[in-house]
Structure formats: structure tokens, C-alpha cells
Amino acid sequence: MTAELARVTDNRTFIQKADLALSELTTGAGVLQTAQAQKFMRILIEEAVLMPLVTVVPMRAQKQLIEKTRFTSQVLQPGQEATALLESERAKPDLTKVELDAQLFKAEVRLNDEILEDNIERAEFRNTIMQTMGEAIARDMENVIINGDTASGVPLLAVLDGILKQASSNIVAAGQVPLNKTTFRDSMKAMPDEFLRDKGRMGFITSIDAETDYRDSVADRQTLVGDAFLTGAAPIAWSGIPVRPIPLFPETLGGGNETNMLFTDLKNIQVGIWRKLKVETDRLVREGVLLIVASLRMDVKFAEETAVVKTTGITVT
């Protein structure tokens, strides 16, 4: 065998090894099958912070309706035997719908031949790639879910409006103060009473520093409760309602040191993910590079936007 033939043979073997390592990531011409798509969705949810708390909807199509039924006004009327209610006394349910319209997002990873050949994990490398991609995609999804704004100058965030932008019916101005008991009280008072019948379902979500500031203020109290919040990692609460720190909540609003807080039933946040998740592969032969392209479609809406209170002007230190 000549040196040139040996080199060509070695290169072909190398490419086969690389293609094999990458092909194990996918089946069916590079598209995830249903069971695998469900698993990838679980990776996204498990590696995120906010998504495990909200309602994640596996969408059956690009557009999906969330149907709501509620009575917004009085239903009972004084009755008389053998007499029907007047037309003006009849109750009419609110049958409005919320539409999830999944928008396309893509992620691309390029692996050169040396990475596939020399990595120490070898057969386990595909699992590492899938896991780390899932973690990174989940992080970026939450960024869009929270901070999305179609008027944003950041292309990723400009795809759709996130929950901070969508929350507009019930606004409370904290007045440029750190998170405190007055802020929580005012936020609760701003919530329409009909949505406060089961406070056990409600939650406050805000930035990490805002939650830390409030935890420190409680810990400053010379009590056993204060000591527990100083030394423990248990979620802090106000009036029995948990206060959850979410890493991607902004902390540079206003003059550069402000954040927001949302108060709602966290299951009211609907994140739709079209279940046709795809992971496709390609090879750039001349460059010696293998590509992994993941794509998904998602949207986020409140099932009932009037059941959300947004508090602005919370300073962080």
C-alpha cells in the first residue's frame, strides 16, 4: 500500500468514525422520533428554573388554542316557583380563548474531526452533547419567556413578547425601594379578589438579588425565623406565599439597578412547545466539520393575563 493510499484510507476511516459518533445522536434521517422528542423536552424542563413551575404544553400543531371558561359576574338571582329568570338575569360565561403561536428557534453546534476522535468520553460523548445542548437551550428559552419583547434590539428577544412585557393589566410601582413587606402587600392588594380564593396556588417571582435583599432583611430580625433564613436554603415566603428567585429576571432596569416582580398562579403561565423537535446533522467535508442543528418552536402566554400583578421599580443592591 502506497503512502498516499494509506493516507486516504486513514482519512476515510476517520470520517466513518466521526459520522458514526454523530449519527448516534439521531435516527430517521436526523429527525428525533416522538419518544425522543419527549425526552428532549424533559431535558429542557428539568434543566430550567422557571419552566418546572409553569404549565408546559406539548403543542400538537404550530398554533394551539387554550380555552377558558369563567363567570365574571353574579350568577345567582332571587328565584320564584314555576317562573323562569328574565333574560337580563341570565348568566353568560366568558368563553374567550388564548392562542399559542409557536415561533421558530434554532441552535447550531459545530464539531471538528479532532474533537470527535480525541474526546475521552467516546461513546458517551453523544449524551454529553445532548445534555449540554439541553441546558443551554433551556437557559435561552427562559430568557425569551421572561424578557422577550418584539421591540427589543436583541434578535433573540425580539421574536415574541415574554411574561414581563405581557403583564400590563395590574401594575404596582414600588417606588425605587428594595423588596419589602409593603411591596408584597401592595402587590396582593392589586390582584383582583376573584383570583385570591386559593392563595396556596400563588407565587411571587423576581430576580436573585431582590430575593436575597428580602431574605437578608428578614434574617436581620433577632428571631429563630431570621436565623433560619440566614443559614438555610428553604424558599422564603410572605403571608405563606413563596418568593422564588429566577436567575434571568433583569436587574439593570430603570437607572441600572432595578428589577420587577410578578405575582400570579405560576401555572397561569403557559409555555407551548411544538412537539416536533428536531436535531439534524450535516457534514462540511472540506472543512472537516460536523454540524448539529437543533430547532424547536415555542410560545408563551398567560391563560388569564388579568390574574397577574407586575411590580416595578424594585431596587437591588
C-alpha atoms as a PDB file:
ATOM      1  CA  MET A   1       0.000   0.000   0.000  1.00  0.00           C
ATOM      2  CA  THR A   2       1.415   3.338  -1.023  1.00  0.00           C
ATOM      3  CA  ALA A   3       1.732   6.203   1.461  1.00  0.00           C
ATOM      4  CA  GLU A   4      -0.906   8.197  -0.442  1.00  0.00           C
ATOM      5  CA  LEU A   5      -3.354   5.273  -0.455  1.00  0.00           C
ATOM      6  CA  ALA A   6      -2.736   4.676   3.245  1.00  0.00           C
ATOM      7  CA  ARG A   7      -3.436   8.340   3.982  1.00  0.00           C
ATOM      8  CA  VAL A   8      -6.714   8.259   2.020  1.00  0.00           C
ATOM      9  CA  THR A   9      -7.736   5.030   3.742  1.00  0.00           C
ATOM     10  CA  ASP A  10      -6.977   6.510   7.167  1.00  0.00           C
ATOM     11  CA  ASN A  11      -8.972   9.641   6.352  1.00  0.00           C
ATOM     12  CA  ARG A  12     -11.956   7.579   5.240  1.00  0.00           C
ATOM     13  CA  THR A  13     -11.790   5.533   8.416  1.00  0.00           C
ATOM     14  CA  PHE A  14     -11.571   8.764  10.440  1.00  0.00           C
ATOM     15  CA  ILE A  15     -14.624  10.208   8.702  1.00  0.00           C
ATOM     16  CA  GLN A  16     -16.553   6.988   9.263  1.00  0.00           C
ATOM     17  CA  LYS A  17     -15.749   7.121  12.976  1.00  0.00           C
ATOM     18  CA  ALA A  18     -16.820  10.743  13.193  1.00  0.00           C
ATOM     19  CA  ASP A  19     -20.023  10.120  11.235  1.00  0.00           C
ATOM     20  CA  LEU A  20     -20.817   7.138  13.426  1.00  0.00           C
ATOM     21  CA  ALA A  21     -20.345   9.156  16.602  1.00  0.00           C
ATOM     22  CA  LEU A  22     -22.639  11.855  15.294  1.00  0.00           C
ATOM     23  CA  SER A  23     -25.202   9.548  13.698  1.00  0.00           C
ATOM     24  CA  GLU A  24     -25.860   8.010  17.090  1.00  0.00           C
ATOM     25  CA  LEU A  25     -27.396  11.327  18.137  1.00  0.00           C
ATOM     26  CA  THR A  26     -30.255  10.946  15.660  1.00  0.00           C
ATOM     27  CA  THR A  27     -32.435   8.439  13.844  1.00  0.00           C
ATOM     28  CA  GLY A  28     -34.782   8.657  10.881  1.00  0.00           C
ATOM     29  CA  ALA A  29     -32.753  10.986   8.633  1.00  0.00           C
ATOM     30  CA  GLY A  30     -31.694  13.134  11.521  1.00  0.00           C
ATOM     31  CA  VAL A  31     -35.111  13.942  12.942  1.00  0.00           C
ATOM     32  CA  LEU A  32     -35.989  12.994  16.526  1.00  0.00           C
ATOM     33  CA  GLN A  33     -38.804  10.467  16.790  1.00  0.00           C
ATOM     34  CA  THR A  34     -41.746  11.112  19.101  1.00  0.00           C
ATOM     35  CA  ALA A  35     -40.380   9.296  22.158  1.00  0.00           C
ATOM     36  CA  GLN A  36     -37.014  11.012  21.786  1.00  0.00           C
ATOM     37  CA  ALA A  37     -38.656  14.395  21.347  1.00  0.00           C
ATOM     38  CA  GLN A  38     -40.495  13.889  24.609  1.00  0.00           C
ATOM     39  CA  LYS A  39     -37.198  13.049  26.295  1.00  0.00           C
ATOM     40  CA  PHE A  40     -35.516  16.140  24.881  1.00  0.00           C
ATOM     41  CA  MET A  41     -38.430  18.236  26.120  1.00  0.00           C
ATOM     42  CA  ARG A  42     -37.965  16.746  29.579  1.00  0.00           C
ATOM     43  CA  ILE A  43     -34.289  17.718  29.465  1.00  0.00           C
ATOM     44  CA  LEU A  44     -35.297  21.294  28.662  1.00  0.00           C
ATOM     45  CA  ILE A  45     -37.771  21.413  31.538  1.00  0.00           C
ATOM     46  CA  GLU A  46     -35.515  19.751  34.089  1.00  0.00           C
ATOM     47  CA  GLU A  47     -32.519  21.973  33.357  1.00  0.00           C
ATOM     48  CA  ALA A  48     -34.534  25.195  33.529  1.00  0.00           C
ATOM     49  CA  VAL A  49     -35.510  27.109  36.673  1.00  0.00           C
ATOM     50  CA  LEU A  50     -38.838  28.674  35.701  1.00  0.00           C
ATOM     51  CA  MET A  51     -40.268  26.009  33.379  1.00  0.00           C
ATOM     52  CA  PRO A  52     -40.721  23.335  36.079  1.00  0.00           C
ATOM     53  CA  LEU A  53     -43.001  25.803  37.897  1.00  0.00           C
ATOM     54  CA  VAL A  54     -45.251  26.763  34.973  1.00  0.00           C
ATOM     55  CA  THR A  55     -47.576  24.869  32.648  1.00  0.00           C
ATOM     56  CA  VAL A  56     -45.669  23.360  29.725  1.00  0.00           C
ATOM     57  CA  VAL A  57     -47.988  22.499  26.844  1.00  0.00           C
ATOM     58  CA  PRO A  58     -46.790  19.943  24.245  1.00  0.00           C
ATOM     59  CA  MET A  59     -48.439  21.515  21.218  1.00  0.00           C
ATOM     60  CA  ARG A  60     -49.980  19.307  18.535  1.00  0.00           C
ATOM     61  CA  ALA A  61     -49.536  21.949  15.841  1.00  0.00           C
ATOM     62  CA  GLN A  62     -47.872  25.296  15.320  1.00  0.00           C
ATOM     63  CA  LYS A  63     -50.983  27.063  16.607  1.00  0.00           C
ATOM     64  CA  GLN A  64     -52.990  25.815  19.565  1.00  0.00           C
ATOM     65  CA  LEU A  65     -55.896  27.360  21.463  1.00  0.00           C
ATOM     66  CA  ILE A  66     -56.183  27.427  25.246  1.00  0.00           C
ATOM     67  CA  GLU A  67     -59.878  27.529  26.022  1.00  0.00           C
ATOM     68  CA  LYS A  68     -61.106  29.323  29.142  1.00  0.00           C
ATOM     69  CA  THR A  69     -64.453  29.216  30.890  1.00  0.00           C
ATOM     70  CA  ARG A  70     -65.241  31.615  33.732  1.00  0.00           C
ATOM     71  CA  PHE A  71     -68.147  33.647  35.043  1.00  0.00           C
ATOM     72  CA  THR A  72     -67.030  37.209  35.635  1.00  0.00           C
ATOM     73  CA  SER A  73     -70.296  38.470  37.111  1.00  0.00           C
ATOM     74  CA  GLN A  74     -73.026  37.354  39.501  1.00  0.00           C
ATOM     75  CA  VAL A  75     -74.749  34.076  38.590  1.00  0.00           C
ATOM     76  CA  LEU A  76     -77.368  33.541  41.327  1.00  0.00           C
ATOM     77  CA  GLN A  77     -80.592  35.551  41.273  1.00  0.00           C
ATOM     78  CA  PRO A  78     -83.635  35.547  43.582  1.00  0.00           C
ATOM     79  CA  GLY A  79     -85.996  32.850  42.299  1.00  0.00           C
ATOM     80  CA  GLN A  80     -89.764  32.258  42.203  1.00  0.00           C
ATOM     81  CA  GLU A  81     -91.521  28.933  41.812  1.00  0.00           C
ATOM     82  CA  ALA A  82     -92.502  27.982  38.273  1.00  0.00           C
ATOM     83  CA  THR A  83     -91.033  31.221  36.944  1.00  0.00           C
ATOM     84  CA  ALA A  84     -88.037  31.433  34.615  1.00  0.00           C
ATOM     85  CA  LEU A  85     -85.422  34.100  35.083  1.00  0.00           C
ATOM     86  CA  LEU A  86     -85.656  37.167  32.906  1.00  0.00           C
ATOM     87  CA  GLU A  87     -83.273  37.457  30.013  1.00  0.00           C
ATOM     88  CA  SER A  88     -81.399  40.229  31.826  1.00  0.00           C
ATOM     89  CA  GLU A  89     -80.910  37.907  34.826  1.00  0.00           C
ATOM     90  CA  ARG A  90     -79.344  35.025  32.941  1.00  0.00           C
ATOM     91  CA  ALA A  91     -75.641  34.337  33.399  1.00  0.00           C
ATOM     92  CA  LYS A  92     -73.289  34.214  30.445  1.00  0.00           C
ATOM     93  CA  PRO A  93     -69.859  32.567  30.737  1.00  0.00           C
ATOM     94  CA  ASP A  94     -66.697  34.132  29.365  1.00  0.00           C
ATOM     95  CA  LEU A  95     -65.540  31.689  26.684  1.00  0.00           C
ATOM     96  CA  THR A  96     -62.520  33.595  25.403  1.00  0.00           C
ATOM     97  CA  LYS A  97     -59.513  31.732  24.059  1.00  0.00           C
ATOM     98  CA  VAL A  98     -55.776  32.271  24.228  1.00  0.00           C
ATOM     99  CA  GLU A  99     -53.754  31.247  21.181  1.00  0.00           C
ATOM    100  CA  LEU A 100     -50.262  29.810  21.400  1.00  0.00           C
ATOM    101  CA  ASP A 101     -48.428  30.547  18.157  1.00  0.00           C
ATOM    102  CA  ALA A 102     -45.116  28.699  18.207  1.00  0.00           C
ATOM    103  CA  GLN A 103     -42.160  30.657  16.804  1.00  0.00           C
ATOM    104  CA  LEU A 104     -39.052  29.019  15.375  1.00  0.00           C
ATOM    105  CA  PHE A 105     -35.731  28.961  17.229  1.00  0.00           C
ATOM    106  CA  LYS A 106     -32.512  27.218  16.192  1.00  0.00           C
ATOM    107  CA  ALA A 107     -29.241  26.211  17.798  1.00  0.00           C
ATOM    108  CA  GLU A 108     -26.138  25.102  15.863  1.00  0.00           C
ATOM    109  CA  VAL A 109     -23.078  23.305  17.175  1.00  0.00           C
ATOM    110  CA  ARG A 110     -20.008  22.583  15.044  1.00  0.00           C
ATOM    111  CA  LEU A 111     -17.629  19.783  15.971  1.00  0.00           C
ATOM    112  CA  ASN A 112     -14.349  19.332  14.173  1.00  0.00           C
ATOM    113  CA  ASP A 113     -12.946  15.896  13.469  1.00  0.00           C
ATOM    114  CA  GLU A 114     -10.334  16.144  16.199  1.00  0.00           C
ATOM    115  CA  ILE A 115     -12.987  16.659  18.870  1.00  0.00           C
ATOM    116  CA  LEU A 116     -14.900  13.569  17.797  1.00  0.00           C
ATOM    117  CA  GLU A 117     -11.734  11.485  17.533  1.00  0.00           C
ATOM    118  CA  ASP A 118      -9.882  12.612  20.636  1.00  0.00           C
ATOM    119  CA  ASN A 119     -12.560  13.197  23.298  1.00  0.00           C
ATOM    120  CA  ILE A 120     -12.127  10.983  26.351  1.00  0.00           C
ATOM    121  CA  GLU A 121     -15.829  10.116  26.608  1.00  0.00           C
ATOM    122  CA  ARG A 122     -16.023   8.414  23.211  1.00  0.00           C
ATOM    123  CA  ALA A 123     -19.344   6.535  23.151  1.00  0.00           C
ATOM    124  CA  GLU A 124     -20.777   8.710  25.925  1.00  0.00           C
ATOM    125  CA  PHE A 125     -19.991  11.887  24.023  1.00  0.00           C
ATOM    126  CA  ARG A 126     -23.412  11.926  22.356  1.00  0.00           C
ATOM    127  CA  ASN A 127     -25.103  12.010  25.780  1.00  0.00           C
ATOM    128  CA  THR A 128     -22.866  14.880  26.880  1.00  0.00           C
ATOM    129  CA  ILE A 129     -23.698  16.863  23.746  1.00  0.00           C
ATOM    130  CA  MET A 130     -27.434  16.269  24.199  1.00  0.00           C
ATOM    131  CA  GLN A 131     -27.343  17.185  27.880  1.00  0.00           C
ATOM    132  CA  THR A 132     -25.275  20.346  27.496  1.00  0.00           C
ATOM    133  CA  MET A 133     -27.312  21.491  24.490  1.00  0.00           C
ATOM    134  CA  GLY A 134     -30.473  20.925  26.514  1.00  0.00           C
ATOM    135  CA  GLU A 135     -29.110  23.011  29.385  1.00  0.00           C
ATOM    136  CA  ALA A 136     -28.058  25.868  27.107  1.00  0.00           C
ATOM    137  CA  ILE A 137     -31.292  25.838  25.097  1.00  0.00           C
ATOM    138  CA  ALA A 138     -33.361  25.793  28.308  1.00  0.00           C
ATOM    139  CA  ARG A 139     -31.445  28.829  29.580  1.00  0.00           C
ATOM    140  CA  ASP A 140     -32.039  30.764  26.370  1.00  0.00           C
ATOM    141  CA  MET A 141     -35.689  29.723  26.242  1.00  0.00           C
ATOM    142  CA  GLU A 142     -36.231  31.115  29.722  1.00  0.00           C
ATOM    143  CA  ASN A 143     -34.557  34.338  28.669  1.00  0.00           C
ATOM    144  CA  VAL A 144     -37.134  34.697  25.892  1.00  0.00           C
ATOM    145  CA  ILE A 145     -40.011  33.578  28.122  1.00  0.00           C
ATOM    146  CA  ILE A 146     -39.136  36.235  30.715  1.00  0.00           C
ATOM    147  CA  ASN A 147     -37.573  39.093  28.752  1.00  0.00           C
ATOM    148  CA  GLY A 148     -38.977  38.684  25.246  1.00  0.00           C
ATOM    149  CA  ASP A 149     -40.018  41.982  23.653  1.00  0.00           C
ATOM    150  CA  THR A 150     -40.801  42.381  19.971  1.00  0.00           C
ATOM    151  CA  ALA A 151     -39.408  45.928  20.233  1.00  0.00           C
ATOM    152  CA  SER A 152     -36.060  44.682  21.587  1.00  0.00           C
ATOM    153  CA  GLY A 153     -32.824  45.332  19.736  1.00  0.00           C
ATOM    154  CA  VAL A 154     -31.652  41.825  20.665  1.00  0.00           C
ATOM    155  CA  PRO A 155     -32.716  39.480  17.835  1.00  0.00           C
ATOM    156  CA  LEU A 156     -33.403  36.516  20.136  1.00  0.00           C
ATOM    157  CA  LEU A 157     -35.632  38.549  22.456  1.00  0.00           C
ATOM    158  CA  ALA A 158     -37.433  40.280  19.573  1.00  0.00           C
ATOM    159  CA  VAL A 159     -39.103  37.051  18.368  1.00  0.00           C
ATOM    160  CA  LEU A 160     -42.005  37.256  20.827  1.00  0.00           C
ATOM    161  CA  ASP A 161     -43.230  39.091  23.930  1.00  0.00           C
ATOM    162  CA  GLY A 162     -42.317  37.447  27.231  1.00  0.00           C
ATOM    163  CA  ILE A 163     -44.199  37.440  30.514  1.00  0.00           C
ATOM    164  CA  LEU A 164     -42.792  40.750  31.783  1.00  0.00           C
ATOM    165  CA  LYS A 165     -43.932  42.525  28.623  1.00  0.00           C
ATOM    166  CA  GLN A 166     -47.316  40.794  28.539  1.00  0.00           C
ATOM    167  CA  ALA A 167     -48.188  41.644  32.164  1.00  0.00           C
ATOM    168  CA  SER A 168     -49.919  45.008  31.758  1.00  0.00           C
ATOM    169  CA  SER A 169     -53.334  44.996  33.461  1.00  0.00           C
ATOM    170  CA  ASN A 170     -52.290  45.263  37.114  1.00  0.00           C
ATOM    171  CA  ILE A 171     -49.182  47.393  37.684  1.00  0.00           C
ATOM    172  CA  VAL A 172     -47.758  48.405  41.065  1.00  0.00           C
ATOM    173  CA  ALA A 173     -44.934  50.951  41.389  1.00  0.00           C
ATOM    174  CA  ALA A 174     -42.656  50.001  44.269  1.00  0.00           C
ATOM    175  CA  GLY A 175     -41.050  53.443  44.236  1.00  0.00           C
ATOM    176  CA  GLN A 176     -37.384  52.528  43.848  1.00  0.00           C
ATOM    177  CA  VAL A 177     -37.071  50.640  47.147  1.00  0.00           C
ATOM    178  CA  PRO A 178     -35.714  47.174  47.953  1.00  0.00           C
ATOM    179  CA  LEU A 179     -38.187  44.312  48.167  1.00  0.00           C
ATOM    180  CA  ASN A 180     -40.042  44.544  51.472  1.00  0.00           C
ATOM    181  CA  LYS A 181     -43.299  43.603  53.180  1.00  0.00           C
ATOM    182  CA  THR A 182     -45.031  46.727  51.883  1.00  0.00           C
ATOM    183  CA  THR A 183     -44.180  45.734  48.308  1.00  0.00           C
ATOM    184  CA  PHE A 184     -45.754  42.317  48.812  1.00  0.00           C
ATOM    185  CA  ARG A 185     -48.820  43.803  50.495  1.00  0.00           C
ATOM    186  CA  ASP A 186     -49.403  46.302  47.683  1.00  0.00           C
ATOM    187  CA  SER A 187     -48.930  43.574  45.061  1.00  0.00           C
ATOM    188  CA  MET A 188     -51.520  41.363  46.719  1.00  0.00           C
ATOM    189  CA  LYS A 189     -53.999  44.242  47.038  1.00  0.00           C
ATOM    190  CA  ALA A 190     -53.642  44.917  43.308  1.00  0.00           C
ATOM    191  CA  MET A 191     -54.768  41.364  42.471  1.00  0.00           C
ATOM    192  CA  PRO A 192     -58.495  41.111  41.652  1.00  0.00           C
ATOM    193  CA  ASP A 193     -60.213  39.352  44.563  1.00  0.00           C
ATOM    194  CA  GLU A 194     -61.637  36.567  42.400  1.00  0.00           C
ATOM    195  CA  PHE A 195     -58.117  35.225  41.827  1.00  0.00           C
ATOM    196  CA  LEU A 196     -57.177  35.197  45.527  1.00  0.00           C
ATOM    197  CA  ARG A 197     -59.552  32.496  46.699  1.00  0.00           C
ATOM    198  CA  ASP A 198     -56.770  29.905  46.739  1.00  0.00           C
ATOM    199  CA  LYS A 199     -53.568  31.656  47.814  1.00  0.00           C
ATOM    200  CA  GLY A 200     -51.822  28.294  48.076  1.00  0.00           C
ATOM    201  CA  ARG A 201     -51.502  28.252  44.290  1.00  0.00           C
ATOM    202  CA  MET A 202     -49.965  31.710  44.068  1.00  0.00           C
ATOM    203  CA  GLY A 203     -46.315  32.701  43.899  1.00  0.00           C
ATOM    204  CA  PHE A 204     -44.001  35.694  43.649  1.00  0.00           C
ATOM    205  CA  ILE A 205     -41.149  35.506  41.134  1.00  0.00           C
ATOM    206  CA  THR A 206     -38.377  38.074  40.938  1.00  0.00           C
ATOM    207  CA  SER A 207     -34.619  38.412  40.468  1.00  0.00           C
ATOM    208  CA  ILE A 208     -31.982  36.662  42.543  1.00  0.00           C
ATOM    209  CA  ASP A 209     -30.660  39.873  44.127  1.00  0.00           C
ATOM    210  CA  ALA A 210     -34.145  41.125  45.010  1.00  0.00           C
ATOM    211  CA  GLU A 211     -34.941  37.859  46.792  1.00  0.00           C
ATOM    212  CA  THR A 212     -31.536  37.961  48.509  1.00  0.00           C
ATOM    213  CA  ASP A 213     -32.160  41.507  49.757  1.00  0.00           C
ATOM    214  CA  TYR A 214     -35.506  40.487  51.228  1.00  0.00           C
ATOM    215  CA  ARG A 215     -34.017  37.331  52.760  1.00  0.00           C
ATOM    216  CA  ASP A 216     -31.308  39.441  54.397  1.00  0.00           C
ATOM    217  CA  SER A 217     -33.883  41.880  55.776  1.00  0.00           C
ATOM    218  CA  VAL A 218     -35.778  39.004  57.373  1.00  0.00           C
ATOM    219  CA  ALA A 219     -32.547  37.453  58.637  1.00  0.00           C
ATOM    220  CA  ASP A 220     -31.682  40.746  60.379  1.00  0.00           C
ATOM    221  CA  ARG A 221     -34.521  40.137  62.796  1.00  0.00           C
ATOM    222  CA  GLN A 222     -33.266  38.686  66.070  1.00  0.00           C
ATOM    223  CA  THR A 223     -35.557  35.660  65.950  1.00  0.00           C
ATOM    224  CA  LEU A 224     -35.355  31.958  65.176  1.00  0.00           C
ATOM    225  CA  VAL A 225     -37.110  32.641  61.870  1.00  0.00           C
ATOM    226  CA  GLY A 226     -34.464  35.220  60.984  1.00  0.00           C
ATOM    227  CA  ASP A 227     -31.676  32.769  61.814  1.00  0.00           C
ATOM    228  CA  ALA A 228     -33.310  30.088  59.666  1.00  0.00           C
ATOM    229  CA  PHE A 229     -33.444  32.322  56.604  1.00  0.00           C
ATOM    230  CA  LEU A 230     -29.840  33.363  57.152  1.00  0.00           C
ATOM    231  CA  THR A 231     -28.430  29.851  57.442  1.00  0.00           C
ATOM    232  CA  GLY A 232     -30.910  27.776  55.457  1.00  0.00           C
ATOM    233  CA  ALA A 233     -31.772  27.347  51.804  1.00  0.00           C
ATOM    234  CA  ALA A 234     -35.537  26.904  52.181  1.00  0.00           C
ATOM    235  CA  PRO A 235     -37.694  29.177  49.984  1.00  0.00           C
ATOM    236  CA  ILE A 236     -38.613  32.402  51.738  1.00  0.00           C
ATOM    237  CA  ALA A 237     -42.272  33.369  51.839  1.00  0.00           C
ATOM    238  CA  TRP A 238     -44.570  36.293  52.556  1.00  0.00           C
ATOM    239  CA  SER A 239     -48.011  35.548  54.024  1.00  0.00           C
ATOM    240  CA  GLY A 240     -47.431  31.902  53.220  1.00  0.00           C
ATOM    241  CA  ILE A 241     -46.789  32.622  49.524  1.00  0.00           C
ATOM    242  CA  PRO A 242     -43.336  31.542  48.279  1.00  0.00           C
ATOM    243  CA  VAL A 243     -40.936  34.102  46.845  1.00  0.00           C
ATOM    244  CA  ARG A 244     -38.892  32.426  44.116  1.00  0.00           C
ATOM    245  CA  PRO A 245     -35.661  33.864  42.673  1.00  0.00           C
ATOM    246  CA  ILE A 246     -35.371  33.395  38.906  1.00  0.00           C
ATOM    247  CA  PRO A 247     -31.832  33.863  37.503  1.00  0.00           C
ATOM    248  CA  LEU A 248     -32.807  35.555  34.234  1.00  0.00           C
ATOM    249  CA  PHE A 249     -35.041  38.230  35.727  1.00  0.00           C
ATOM    250  CA  PRO A 250     -33.458  41.577  34.735  1.00  0.00           C
ATOM    251  CA  GLU A 251     -31.579  43.621  37.339  1.00  0.00           C
ATOM    252  CA  THR A 252     -30.498  46.596  35.224  1.00  0.00           C
ATOM    253  CA  LEU A 253     -33.835  48.320  34.659  1.00  0.00           C
ATOM    254  CA  GLY A 254     -34.547  51.945  35.487  1.00  0.00           C
ATOM    255  CA  GLY A 255     -31.305  53.630  36.434  1.00  0.00           C
ATOM    256  CA  GLY A 256     -29.398  50.379  36.171  1.00  0.00           C
ATOM    257  CA  ASN A 257     -30.193  48.704  39.492  1.00  0.00           C
ATOM    258  CA  GLU A 258     -33.899  47.884  39.331  1.00  0.00           C
ATOM    259  CA  THR A 259     -35.933  44.756  38.716  1.00  0.00           C
ATOM    260  CA  ASN A 260     -39.575  43.673  38.514  1.00  0.00           C
ATOM    261  CA  MET A 261     -41.673  41.102  40.310  1.00  0.00           C
ATOM    262  CA  LEU A 262     -44.659  39.066  39.113  1.00  0.00           C
ATOM    263  CA  PHE A 263     -47.421  37.779  41.380  1.00  0.00           C
ATOM    264  CA  THR A 264     -49.704  35.076  39.961  1.00  0.00           C
ATOM    265  CA  ASP A 265     -50.595  31.419  39.992  1.00  0.00           C
ATOM    266  CA  LEU A 266     -47.448  30.178  38.257  1.00  0.00           C
ATOM    267  CA  LYS A 267     -49.488  27.542  36.377  1.00  0.00           C
ATOM    268  CA  ASN A 268     -51.190  30.515  34.743  1.00  0.00           C
ATOM    269  CA  ILE A 269     -48.014  30.858  32.644  1.00  0.00           C
ATOM    270  CA  GLN A 270     -48.448  28.640  29.574  1.00  0.00           C
ATOM    271  CA  VAL A 271     -45.296  27.674  27.662  1.00  0.00           C
ATOM    272  CA  GLY A 272     -46.161  25.898  24.430  1.00  0.00           C
ATOM    273  CA  ILE A 273     -43.552  23.702  22.765  1.00  0.00           C
ATOM    274  CA  TRP A 274     -44.381  22.147  19.442  1.00  0.00           C
ATOM    275  CA  ARG A 275     -43.503  18.507  19.932  1.00  0.00           C
ATOM    276  CA  LYS A 276     -41.840  18.205  16.508  1.00  0.00           C
ATOM    277  CA  LEU A 277     -38.434  18.859  17.993  1.00  0.00           C
ATOM    278  CA  LYS A 278     -35.635  18.260  15.512  1.00  0.00           C
ATOM    279  CA  VAL A 279     -31.954  17.504  15.748  1.00  0.00           C
ATOM    280  CA  GLU A 280     -30.408  17.313  12.303  1.00  0.00           C
ATOM    281  CA  THR A 281     -26.833  16.741  11.193  1.00  0.00           C
ATOM    282  CA  ASP A 282     -24.674  17.684   8.255  1.00  0.00           C
ATOM    283  CA  ARG A 283     -21.001  17.473   7.343  1.00  0.00           C
ATOM    284  CA  LEU A 284     -18.744  20.075   5.744  1.00  0.00           C
ATOM    285  CA  VAL A 285     -16.207  17.783   4.099  1.00  0.00           C
ATOM    286  CA  ARG A 286     -13.675  20.417   3.013  1.00  0.00           C
ATOM    287  CA  GLU A 287     -13.610  21.999   6.465  1.00  0.00           C
ATOM    288  CA  GLY A 288     -13.636  18.700   8.332  1.00  0.00           C
ATOM    289  CA  VAL A 289     -16.573  19.862  10.459  1.00  0.00           C
ATOM    290  CA  LEU A 290     -19.712  18.097  11.592  1.00  0.00           C
ATOM    291  CA  LEU A 291     -22.823  20.147  12.352  1.00  0.00           C
ATOM    292  CA  ILE A 292     -25.594  19.539  14.854  1.00  0.00           C
ATOM    293  CA  VAL A 293     -28.605  21.793  14.370  1.00  0.00           C
ATOM    294  CA  ALA A 294     -31.430  21.718  16.924  1.00  0.00           C
ATOM    295  CA  SER A 295     -34.666  23.507  16.174  1.00  0.00           C
ATOM    296  CA  LEU A 296     -37.888  23.981  18.103  1.00  0.00           C
ATOM    297  CA  ARG A 297     -40.960  26.137  18.052  1.00  0.00           C
ATOM    298  CA  MET A 298     -42.390  27.689  21.194  1.00  0.00           C
ATOM    299  CA  ASP A 299     -44.598  30.448  22.534  1.00  0.00           C
ATOM    300  CA  VAL A 300     -45.622  31.762  25.953  1.00  0.00           C
ATOM    301  CA  LYS A 301     -48.915  33.262  27.061  1.00  0.00           C
ATOM    302  CA  PHE A 302     -50.837  33.849  30.270  1.00  0.00           C
ATOM    303  CA  ALA A 303     -54.004  31.781  30.397  1.00  0.00           C
ATOM    304  CA  GLU A 304     -55.531  34.788  32.211  1.00  0.00           C
ATOM    305  CA  GLU A 305     -53.491  37.971  31.974  1.00  0.00           C
ATOM    306  CA  THR A 306     -55.758  39.881  34.368  1.00  0.00           C
ATOM    307  CA  ALA A 307     -54.696  37.389  37.077  1.00  0.00           C
ATOM    308  CA  VAL A 308     -51.149  38.774  37.060  1.00  0.00           C
ATOM    309  CA  VAL A 309     -49.678  41.669  39.044  1.00  0.00           C
ATOM    310  CA  LYS A 310     -46.402  43.232  37.917  1.00  0.00           C
ATOM    311  CA  THR A 311     -44.474  45.301  40.456  1.00  0.00           C
ATOM    312  CA  THR A 312     -41.885  47.679  39.011  1.00  0.00           C
ATOM    313  CA  GLY A 313     -39.161  49.867  40.479  1.00  0.00           C
ATOM    314  CA  ILE A 314     -37.688  47.341  42.942  1.00  0.00           C
ATOM    315  CA  THR A 315     -34.076  48.287  43.614  1.00  0.00           C
ATOM    316  CA  VAL A 316     -31.361  45.691  44.052  1.00  0.00           C
ATOM    317  CA  THR A 317     -28.035  46.095  45.830  1.00  0.00           C
END
